[in-house]
Amino acid sequence: MTPLRSSVAGALAMAVLGCHGNAVTNSQIVAMAAIHFVNAVPDTGQMDYRVVDIASNASLFDADFRSFNSIYKGIEAGTREIRVFNSSTDPAISSQVLWDTTFAFTQDQGYTFVHTGFARVADQPPVRTVWIIPDTPPTPAAAQVGLRFIHAGAGIGPVDVNFLRKGSDTLPDTPLFANVAYGGTATYSLMPHDSFTVTTTSTAVTFTYYDTLRVVVTATGTKTPLLFAATVAPLGIPGYRDPLTKEDLNPVPGTAVPGTVLTALLVPRSVAGSPAVQFATPTVLYFVDKRPPNTAP
């Protein structure tokens, strides 16, 4: 086995030497922004989202209604052309452009690309459109997380929004965000992180969560009936040391992990009988706008 190891090591060394000092092959650092894509169109089939002016990994393919990327994808800073296509294995269909937009992306800035409105119901507002929303998450203080709300629920009127910790909690008389209309983006709100305890044994680490933050939405000016109570927001996992490997693991963002900032984006129910994947009730989709600080070296 020794000769094989020596051969591999020699080949790697020659590759490094062959590239060293060659100004032509030095990789240029590319200025990047970041983007979330979401398909919030409730009455049509799969779509593809991609940058077309340059080769880029910023894309979302075969996206059904409510498909999205919770974690940012990198997108090259500068003026980018993004097109939305029908998704199909038939080139005659997949080449059909449903939306074409050009936008100037700023380096180190995050954005949420929302495709929303009705596509197939003639003259029914709101008609299909695209929003590109700059994300400006705050930096939470110690023991805090952040959360904001975006209304992308086509066909849903203005709403009042609250963030509750438990299903048994009652709604306050004054909502956290009042009268948020379709297209509205509420500001980020800071709050204590969800509480938890940690149990460590020689073989495992267990997190027990006591709070479970969720979004509750009602029609403006009402507390009942609920439009919906969304599923629990992602709780995340605090950074910890694996007792078996002795490896320090960085935190996974969520409402139990201080420093996390999320967006909750309202999407409507599906239009019954349409080509969209069918959902009977509205809900919110959660996006990570800021990750908690790393804890591992």
Foldseek 3Di string as FASTA:
>chain_A
DVVVVVVVVVVVVVVCVVPPPDPVPDDDDFFKEWEKEAEQAFFAFFKKKDWDPDDDPPIDGRHFHGDMDQEIDIDGAAKTKMWMAHHDPDCVRRVDTPDIDIDGGDGHWYWYKYFAWYDPDPPDPPHTDIDIGTDDDDFADPQKEKEKEAERATPDAFKAKAKFFDPPDAADQHGPDARAGHGGIGDMDMDGFFDWDWDDDLADIDIGTDTFIWMWMDHGPDRPDTLDIADTWANWAPWDQGNPVRATGWIGDTRNYRRWHKYWYKHAAHDPPGNGDGDDGIHTDIHTPTGHDTDGD
